[in-house]
Amino acid sequence: MANFIPVELEHAGTNLIGQATFPAGDGPYPAVLVMHNALGLGAHMREVAQRLAALGYLAMATDMYGSGAPSGDPRINGASYEAVMKDPALLRSRVVAWFDRVAAMPDVDPSRVAAIGYCFGGSCVLELARSGAPARAVVSFHGILSSASPMKAGAFSGEVHAYCGAQDPYAQLDQIEALRAELAAADAQYSITTFGDAAHGFTDPAADSMGRAGIAYNAMADRLSWAGTVALLEAVLKA
């Protein structure tokens, strides 16, 4: 199992502590940011980062809350989530700061960086694309799709991929269509996949344990969205 190395970032008076895991061999490596859900940087995000490292990427599980964004107390992380989401400028600048931090790492090839995110993290990576940062690709899994500052025409030259669930109460079909219209108007390279029977959190095997309506694991949606992401990253970061 890959080991994690803490990576710090000071942003807007908050000390953020991400967790980096390295692939085998020598760098510089292509890199992938892994942006956590509203519950923080928990086991699912670390497992995703380890899978990416095994595929040859330096994977950075970012911290969007501070102090490492531990996933132990939903009340604390819920408050952190609300604080970041209510300040769109802070959210976007923090995502960009993480991108810049990873791209500047001596073991990273700055021309080969992508980002993937889950739920809240899906919103984060879409904001990264909207910022115009030079990421090769962003992938949102059951993300929050709306934005206070939609993508401007020609702002992003990378790929934007979103995997959504038709049964997701946090990103309903009208919001999925609004994202499609936004990306098309911005002349972005994009794809949006909507799984008809998938709800929010469909990639997380622990989603069912939350016991909340509209949040559930879906093995097929998880498998297909991951396969598509692996193919995308290989195409844009290793070609």
C-alpha atoms as a PDB file:
ATOM      1  CA  MET A   1       0.000   0.000   0.000  1.00  0.00           C
ATOM      2  CA  ALA A   2       1.339   3.421  -0.947  1.00  0.00           C
ATOM      3  CA  ASN A   3       2.467   5.731   1.834  1.00  0.00           C
ATOM      4  CA  PHE A   4       1.252   9.297   2.232  1.00  0.00           C
ATOM      5  CA  ILE A   5       3.401  12.362   2.741  1.00  0.00           C
ATOM      6  CA  PRO A   6       1.784  15.504   4.195  1.00  0.00           C
ATOM      7  CA  VAL A   7       2.004  18.602   1.987  1.00  0.00           C
ATOM      8  CA  GLU A   8       1.117  21.972   3.505  1.00  0.00           C
ATOM      9  CA  LEU A   9      -0.418  25.018   1.881  1.00  0.00           C
ATOM     10  CA  GLU A  10      -1.232  28.323   3.545  1.00  0.00           C
ATOM     11  CA  HIS A  11      -4.294  29.957   2.021  1.00  0.00           C
ATOM     12  CA  ALA A  12      -6.364  32.911   3.243  1.00  0.00           C
ATOM     13  CA  GLY A  13      -5.098  32.462   6.786  1.00  0.00           C
ATOM     14  CA  THR A  14      -5.846  28.731   6.880  1.00  0.00           C
ATOM     15  CA  ASN A  15      -3.219  26.003   7.108  1.00  0.00           C
ATOM     16  CA  LEU A  16      -4.190  23.240   4.687  1.00  0.00           C
ATOM     17  CA  ILE A  17      -2.561  19.803   4.839  1.00  0.00           C
ATOM     18  CA  GLY A  18      -2.917  17.562   1.818  1.00  0.00           C
ATOM     19  CA  GLN A  19      -1.687  13.993   1.495  1.00  0.00           C
ATOM     20  CA  ALA A  20       0.555  13.042  -1.421  1.00  0.00           C
ATOM     21  CA  THR A  21       1.301   9.522  -2.563  1.00  0.00           C
ATOM     22  CA  PHE A  22       3.960   8.777  -5.149  1.00  0.00           C
ATOM     23  CA  PRO A  23       4.176   6.224  -7.952  1.00  0.00           C
ATOM     24  CA  ALA A  24       7.087   3.895  -8.487  1.00  0.00           C
ATOM     25  CA  GLY A  25      10.080   5.064 -10.474  1.00  0.00           C
ATOM     26  CA  ASP A  26      11.635   8.471 -10.909  1.00  0.00           C
ATOM     27  CA  GLY A  27       9.915  11.757 -11.639  1.00  0.00           C
ATOM     28  CA  PRO A  28       8.917  14.140 -12.881  1.00  0.00           C
ATOM     29  CA  TYR A  29       5.500  12.510 -12.747  1.00  0.00           C
ATOM     30  CA  PRO A  30       2.109  13.394 -14.147  1.00  0.00           C
ATOM     31  CA  ALA A  31      -0.075  14.458 -11.222  1.00  0.00           C
ATOM     32  CA  VAL A  32      -3.730  14.210 -10.249  1.00  0.00           C
ATOM     33  CA  LEU A  33      -5.431  16.232  -7.542  1.00  0.00           C
ATOM     34  CA  VAL A  34      -8.062  14.240  -5.637  1.00  0.00           C
ATOM     35  CA  MET A  35     -10.592  16.621  -4.084  1.00  0.00           C
ATOM     36  CA  HIS A  36     -12.629  15.396  -1.155  1.00  0.00           C
ATOM     37  CA  ASN A  37     -16.356  15.300  -0.535  1.00  0.00           C
ATOM     38  CA  ALA A  38     -18.190  17.384   2.074  1.00  0.00           C
ATOM     39  CA  LEU A  39     -17.222  14.920   4.817  1.00  0.00           C
ATOM     40  CA  GLY A  40     -13.515  15.630   4.443  1.00  0.00           C
ATOM     41  CA  LEU A  41     -10.409  13.702   3.551  1.00  0.00           C
ATOM     42  CA  GLY A  42     -11.481  10.218   4.546  1.00  0.00           C
ATOM     43  CA  ALA A  43     -10.745   6.627   3.627  1.00  0.00           C
ATOM     44  CA  HIS A  44     -12.445   6.781   0.223  1.00  0.00           C
ATOM     45  CA  MET A  45     -10.297   9.699  -0.970  1.00  0.00           C
ATOM     46  CA  ARG A  46      -7.115   8.039   0.257  1.00  0.00           C
ATOM     47  CA  GLU A  47      -8.033   4.811  -1.495  1.00  0.00           C
ATOM     48  CA  VAL A  48      -8.613   6.688  -4.745  1.00  0.00           C
ATOM     49  CA  ALA A  49      -5.237   8.412  -4.404  1.00  0.00           C
ATOM     50  CA  GLN A  50      -3.533   5.056  -3.858  1.00  0.00           C
ATOM     51  CA  ARG A  51      -5.180   3.620  -6.943  1.00  0.00           C
ATOM     52  CA  LEU A  52      -3.908   6.545  -8.994  1.00  0.00           C
ATOM     53  CA  ALA A  53      -0.372   6.167  -7.634  1.00  0.00           C
ATOM     54  CA  ALA A  54      -0.446   2.507  -8.673  1.00  0.00           C
ATOM     55  CA  LEU A  55      -1.283   3.701 -12.195  1.00  0.00           C
ATOM     56  CA  GLY A  56       1.778   5.950 -12.333  1.00  0.00           C
ATOM     57  CA  TYR A  57       0.493   9.312 -11.091  1.00  0.00           C
ATOM     58  CA  LEU A  58       1.566  11.456  -8.190  1.00  0.00           C
ATOM     59  CA  ALA A  59      -1.780  11.770  -6.425  1.00  0.00           C
ATOM     60  CA  MET A  60      -2.496  14.651  -4.077  1.00  0.00           C
ATOM     61  CA  ALA A  61      -5.499  14.253  -1.788  1.00  0.00           C
ATOM     62  CA  THR A  62      -6.144  17.919  -1.086  1.00  0.00           C
ATOM     63  CA  ASP A  63      -7.469  19.596   2.055  1.00  0.00           C
ATOM     64  CA  MET A  64     -10.088  22.265   1.386  1.00  0.00           C
ATOM     65  CA  TYR A  65     -11.003  22.924   5.033  1.00  0.00           C
ATOM     66  CA  GLY A  66      -7.797  23.134   7.053  1.00  0.00           C
ATOM     67  CA  SER A  67      -5.845  21.009   9.538  1.00  0.00           C
ATOM     68  CA  GLY A  68      -5.959  18.075   7.143  1.00  0.00           C
ATOM     69  CA  ALA A  69      -9.769  18.013   6.784  1.00  0.00           C
ATOM     70  CA  PRO A  70     -10.162  14.844   8.882  1.00  0.00           C
ATOM     71  CA  SER A  71     -13.447  13.052   8.325  1.00  0.00           C
ATOM     72  CA  GLY A  72     -14.189  12.197  11.962  1.00  0.00           C
ATOM     73  CA  ASP A  73     -16.889  14.727  12.933  1.00  0.00           C
ATOM     74  CA  PRO A  74     -19.654  15.420  10.375  1.00  0.00           C
ATOM     75  CA  ARG A  75     -20.808  18.484  12.320  1.00  0.00           C
ATOM     76  CA  ILE A  76     -17.422  20.165  12.151  1.00  0.00           C
ATOM     77  CA  ASN A  77     -16.901  19.316   8.499  1.00  0.00           C
ATOM     78  CA  GLY A  78     -20.452  20.359   7.699  1.00  0.00           C
ATOM     79  CA  ALA A  79     -19.698  23.796   9.106  1.00  0.00           C
ATOM     80  CA  SER A  80     -16.444  23.939   7.122  1.00  0.00           C
ATOM     81  CA  TYR A  81     -18.295  22.954   3.969  1.00  0.00           C
ATOM     82  CA  GLU A  82     -20.879  25.687   4.463  1.00  0.00           C
ATOM     83  CA  ALA A  83     -18.191  28.286   5.142  1.00  0.00           C
ATOM     84  CA  VAL A  84     -16.319  27.516   1.932  1.00  0.00           C
ATOM     85  CA  MET A  85     -19.399  27.108  -0.264  1.00  0.00           C
ATOM     86  CA  LYS A  86     -20.894  30.442   0.799  1.00  0.00           C
ATOM     87  CA  ASP A  87     -17.755  32.242  -0.419  1.00  0.00           C
ATOM     88  CA  PRO A  88     -17.378  31.372  -4.120  1.00  0.00           C
ATOM     89  CA  ALA A  89     -14.284  33.526  -4.559  1.00  0.00           C
ATOM     90  CA  LEU A  90     -12.548  31.764  -1.677  1.00  0.00           C
ATOM     91  CA  LEU A  91     -13.525  28.357  -3.034  1.00  0.00           C
ATOM     92  CA  ARG A  92     -12.148  29.063  -6.477  1.00  0.00           C
ATOM     93  CA  SER A  93      -8.947  30.687  -5.263  1.00  0.00           C
ATOM     94  CA  ARG A  94      -8.294  27.778  -2.877  1.00  0.00           C
ATOM     95  CA  VAL A  95      -8.704  25.223  -5.640  1.00  0.00           C
ATOM     96  CA  VAL A  96      -6.337  27.195  -7.867  1.00  0.00           C
ATOM     97  CA  ALA A  97      -3.863  27.505  -4.987  1.00  0.00           C
ATOM     98  CA  TRP A  98      -3.814  23.711  -4.646  1.00  0.00           C
ATOM     99  CA  PHE A  99      -3.316  23.316  -8.380  1.00  0.00           C
ATOM    100  CA  ASP A 100      -0.394  25.738  -8.298  1.00  0.00           C
ATOM    101  CA  ARG A 101       1.067  24.008  -5.229  1.00  0.00           C
ATOM    102  CA  VAL A 102       1.035  20.613  -6.921  1.00  0.00           C
ATOM    103  CA  ALA A 103       2.274  21.908 -10.275  1.00  0.00           C
ATOM    104  CA  ALA A 104       5.246  23.538  -8.504  1.00  0.00           C
ATOM    105  CA  MET A 105       6.358  20.346  -6.739  1.00  0.00           C
ATOM    106  CA  PRO A 106       9.829  19.320  -7.962  1.00  0.00           C
ATOM    107  CA  ASP A 107       8.662  15.764  -8.689  1.00  0.00           C
ATOM    108  CA  VAL A 108       5.749  16.926 -10.874  1.00  0.00           C
ATOM    109  CA  ASP A 109       5.680  17.737 -14.572  1.00  0.00           C
ATOM    110  CA  PRO A 110       3.656  20.997 -14.456  1.00  0.00           C
ATOM    111  CA  SER A 111       2.397  20.487 -17.992  1.00  0.00           C
ATOM    112  CA  ARG A 112       0.712  17.196 -17.018  1.00  0.00           C
ATOM    113  CA  VAL A 113      -1.676  17.892 -14.136  1.00  0.00           C
ATOM    114  CA  ALA A 114      -5.350  16.916 -13.847  1.00  0.00           C
ATOM    115  CA  ALA A 115      -7.938  16.968 -11.067  1.00  0.00           C
ATOM    116  CA  ILE A 116     -10.798  14.722 -10.014  1.00  0.00           C
ATOM    117  CA  GLY A 117     -13.350  15.382  -7.299  1.00  0.00           C
ATOM    118  CA  TYR A 118     -16.261  13.791  -5.503  1.00  0.00           C
ATOM    119  CA  CYS A 119     -19.496  15.545  -4.428  1.00  0.00           C
ATOM    120  CA  PHE A 120     -18.158  18.846  -3.007  1.00  0.00           C
ATOM    121  CA  GLY A 121     -14.873  17.960  -4.667  1.00  0.00           C
ATOM    122  CA  GLY A 122     -16.729  17.737  -7.967  1.00  0.00           C
ATOM    123  CA  SER A 123     -17.714  21.362  -7.510  1.00  0.00           C
ATOM    124  CA  CYS A 124     -14.072  22.143  -6.721  1.00  0.00           C
ATOM    125  CA  VAL A 125     -12.687  20.666  -9.934  1.00  0.00           C
ATOM    126  CA  LEU A 126     -15.354  22.371 -12.026  1.00  0.00           C
ATOM    127  CA  GLU A 127     -14.331  25.661 -10.413  1.00  0.00           C
ATOM    128  CA  LEU A 128     -10.737  24.865 -11.341  1.00  0.00           C
ATOM    129  CA  ALA A 129     -11.796  24.546 -14.980  1.00  0.00           C
ATOM    130  CA  ARG A 130     -13.876  27.717 -14.780  1.00  0.00           C
ATOM    131  CA  SER A 131     -10.842  29.576 -13.460  1.00  0.00           C
ATOM    132  CA  GLY A 132      -8.939  28.843 -16.646  1.00  0.00           C
ATOM    133  CA  ALA A 133      -6.112  27.019 -14.864  1.00  0.00           C
ATOM    134  CA  PRO A 134      -3.942  24.974 -17.253  1.00  0.00           C
ATOM    135  CA  ALA A 135      -5.144  21.568 -16.093  1.00  0.00           C
ATOM    136  CA  ARG A 136      -5.213  18.880 -18.763  1.00  0.00           C
ATOM    137  CA  ALA A 137      -8.549  17.540 -17.506  1.00  0.00           C
ATOM    138  CA  VAL A 138     -11.034  17.697 -14.650  1.00  0.00           C
ATOM    139  CA  VAL A 139     -13.470  14.957 -13.678  1.00  0.00           C
ATOM    140  CA  SER A 140     -16.482  15.477 -11.421  1.00  0.00           C
ATOM    141  CA  PHE A 141     -18.133  12.470  -9.769  1.00  0.00           C
ATOM    142  CA  HIS A 142     -21.678  13.181  -8.508  1.00  0.00           C
ATOM    143  CA  GLY A 143     -20.572  16.776  -8.034  1.00  0.00           C
ATOM    144  CA  ILE A 144     -22.359  19.985  -7.173  1.00  0.00           C
ATOM    145  CA  LEU A 145     -22.669  21.525 -10.622  1.00  0.00           C
ATOM    146  CA  SER A 146     -23.844  25.129 -10.325  1.00  0.00           C
ATOM    147  CA  SER A 147     -21.553  28.137 -10.024  1.00  0.00           C
ATOM    148  CA  ALA A 148     -21.799  31.811  -9.147  1.00  0.00           C
ATOM    149  CA  SER A 149     -19.365  32.512 -11.985  1.00  0.00           C
ATOM    150  CA  PRO A 150     -19.911  30.237 -14.991  1.00  0.00           C
ATOM    151  CA  MET A 151     -17.148  29.402 -17.422  1.00  0.00           C
ATOM    152  CA  LYS A 152     -16.331  32.132 -19.909  1.00  0.00           C
ATOM    153  CA  ALA A 153     -15.894  31.422 -23.578  1.00  0.00           C
ATOM    154  CA  GLY A 154     -12.513  29.902 -24.339  1.00  0.00           C
ATOM    155  CA  ALA A 155     -11.428  29.951 -20.676  1.00  0.00           C
ATOM    156  CA  PHE A 156     -10.417  26.305 -20.371  1.00  0.00           C
ATOM    157  CA  SER A 157      -8.410  24.321 -22.883  1.00  0.00           C
ATOM    158  CA  GLY A 158      -8.535  20.961 -21.102  1.00  0.00           C
ATOM    159  CA  GLU A 159     -11.155  18.241 -20.928  1.00  0.00           C
ATOM    160  CA  VAL A 160     -14.193  18.515 -18.634  1.00  0.00           C
ATOM    161  CA  HIS A 161     -15.947  15.263 -17.748  1.00  0.00           C
ATOM    162  CA  ALA A 162     -18.853  14.922 -15.348  1.00  0.00           C
ATOM    163  CA  TYR A 163     -20.405  11.692 -14.115  1.00  0.00           C
ATOM    164  CA  CYS A 164     -23.851  12.283 -12.670  1.00  0.00           C
ATOM    165  CA  GLY A 165     -26.758  10.327 -11.222  1.00  0.00           C
ATOM    166  CA  ALA A 166     -30.290  10.920 -12.442  1.00  0.00           C
ATOM    167  CA  GLN A 167     -31.516  10.187  -8.901  1.00  0.00           C
ATOM    168  CA  ASP A 168     -29.123  12.675  -7.255  1.00  0.00           C
ATOM    169  CA  PRO A 169     -31.131  15.276  -5.282  1.00  0.00           C
ATOM    170  CA  TYR A 170     -28.083  17.549  -5.072  1.00  0.00           C
ATOM    171  CA  ALA A 171     -27.552  17.765  -8.839  1.00  0.00           C
ATOM    172  CA  GLN A 172     -30.914  17.297 -10.486  1.00  0.00           C
ATOM    173  CA  LEU A 173     -31.516  16.876 -14.184  1.00  0.00           C
ATOM    174  CA  ASP A 174     -32.129  20.575 -14.805  1.00  0.00           C
ATOM    175  CA  GLN A 175     -28.749  21.355 -13.232  1.00  0.00           C
ATOM    176  CA  ILE A 176     -27.075  18.712 -15.358  1.00  0.00           C
ATOM    177  CA  GLU A 177     -28.604  20.325 -18.443  1.00  0.00           C
ATOM    178  CA  ALA A 178     -27.489  23.764 -17.213  1.00  0.00           C
ATOM    179  CA  LEU A 179     -23.904  22.491 -16.939  1.00  0.00           C
ATOM    180  CA  ARG A 180     -24.092  21.113 -20.466  1.00  0.00           C
ATOM    181  CA  ALA A 181     -25.351  24.461 -21.749  1.00  0.00           C
ATOM    182  CA  GLU A 182     -22.639  26.317 -19.838  1.00  0.00           C
ATOM    183  CA  LEU A 183     -19.839  24.156 -21.226  1.00  0.00           C
ATOM    184  CA  ALA A 184     -21.211  24.288 -24.752  1.00  0.00           C
ATOM    185  CA  ALA A 185     -21.497  28.090 -24.612  1.00  0.00           C
ATOM    186  CA  ALA A 186     -17.889  28.266 -23.379  1.00  0.00           C
ATOM    187  CA  ASP A 187     -16.756  26.084 -26.307  1.00  0.00           C
ATOM    188  CA  ALA A 188     -15.252  23.619 -23.846  1.00  0.00           C
ATOM    189  CA  GLN A 189     -14.258  20.044 -24.619  1.00  0.00           C
ATOM    190  CA  TYR A 190     -16.611  18.066 -22.422  1.00  0.00           C
ATOM    191  CA  SER A 191     -18.677  14.978 -21.822  1.00  0.00           C
ATOM    192  CA  ILE A 192     -21.470  14.416 -19.321  1.00  0.00           C
ATOM    193  CA  THR A 193     -22.570  10.900 -18.430  1.00  0.00           C
ATOM    194  CA  THR A 194     -25.800  10.445 -16.498  1.00  0.00           C
ATOM    195  CA  PHE A 195     -26.527   7.075 -14.906  1.00  0.00           C
ATOM    196  CA  GLY A 196     -30.293   6.631 -14.780  1.00  0.00           C
ATOM    197  CA  ASP A 197     -30.484   4.657 -11.545  1.00  0.00           C
ATOM    198  CA  ALA A 198     -27.601   6.279  -9.652  1.00  0.00           C
ATOM    199  CA  ALA A 199     -28.017   8.591  -6.671  1.00  0.00           C
ATOM    200  CA  HIS A 200     -25.609  10.934  -4.904  1.00  0.00           C
ATOM    201  CA  GLY A 201     -22.370   9.354  -3.703  1.00  0.00           C
ATOM    202  CA  PHE A 202     -22.578   6.460  -6.163  1.00  0.00           C
ATOM    203  CA  THR A 203     -18.793   5.881  -6.125  1.00  0.00           C
ATOM    204  CA  ASP A 204     -18.487   5.426  -2.356  1.00  0.00           C
ATOM    205  CA  PRO A 205     -19.079   1.887  -1.032  1.00  0.00           C
ATOM    206  CA  ALA A 206     -19.812   3.408   2.393  1.00  0.00           C
ATOM    207  CA  ALA A 207     -22.572   5.689   1.080  1.00  0.00           C
ATOM    208  CA  ASP A 208     -25.397   3.354   2.109  1.00  0.00           C
ATOM    209  CA  SER A 209     -24.259   3.443   5.726  1.00  0.00           C
ATOM    210  CA  MET A 210     -25.218   7.108   5.934  1.00  0.00           C
ATOM    211  CA  GLY A 211     -28.879   6.108   5.885  1.00  0.00           C
ATOM    212  CA  ARG A 212     -29.934   9.215   3.951  1.00  0.00           C
ATOM    213  CA  ALA A 213     -32.415   9.320   1.094  1.00  0.00           C
ATOM    214  CA  GLY A 214     -30.829  10.102  -2.250  1.00  0.00           C
ATOM    215  CA  ILE A 215     -27.360   8.889  -1.209  1.00  0.00           C
ATOM    216  CA  ALA A 216     -26.380   5.362  -2.248  1.00  0.00           C
ATOM    217  CA  TYR A 217     -23.563   3.325  -3.723  1.00  0.00           C
ATOM    218  CA  ASN A 218     -24.024   2.026  -7.258  1.00  0.00           C
ATOM    219  CA  ALA A 219     -21.443  -0.585  -8.250  1.00  0.00           C
ATOM    220  CA  MET A 220     -22.020  -0.310 -12.002  1.00  0.00           C
ATOM    221  CA  ALA A 221     -21.874   3.488 -12.071  1.00  0.00           C
ATOM    222  CA  ASP A 222     -18.752   3.366  -9.919  1.00  0.00           C
ATOM    223  CA  ARG A 223     -17.052   0.861 -12.184  1.00  0.00           C
ATOM    224  CA  LEU A 224     -17.922   2.594 -15.448  1.00  0.00           C
ATOM    225  CA  SER A 225     -17.054   6.099 -14.261  1.00  0.00           C
ATOM    226  CA  TRP A 226     -13.690   4.919 -12.951  1.00  0.00           C
ATOM    227  CA  ALA A 227     -12.885   3.095 -16.194  1.00  0.00           C
ATOM    228  CA  GLY A 228     -13.699   6.221 -18.172  1.00  0.00           C
ATOM    229  CA  THR A 229     -11.528   8.323 -15.898  1.00  0.00           C
ATOM    230  CA  VAL A 230      -8.565   5.961 -16.177  1.00  0.00           C
ATOM    231  CA  ALA A 231      -8.837   6.096 -19.967  1.00  0.00           C
ATOM    232  CA  LEU A 232      -9.100   9.881 -19.951  1.00  0.00           C
ATOM    233  CA  LEU A 233      -6.079  10.381 -17.696  1.00  0.00           C
ATOM    234  CA  GLU A 234      -4.001   8.039 -19.801  1.00  0.00           C
ATOM    235  CA  ALA A 235      -4.959   9.941 -22.923  1.00  0.00           C
ATOM    236  CA  VAL A 236      -4.236  13.438 -21.598  1.00  0.00           C
ATOM    237  CA  LEU A 237      -1.371  12.809 -19.165  1.00  0.00           C
ATOM    238  CA  LYS A 238       0.581   9.953 -20.743  1.00  0.00           C
ATOM    239  CA  ALA A 239       0.066  10.292 -24.486  1.00  0.00           C
END
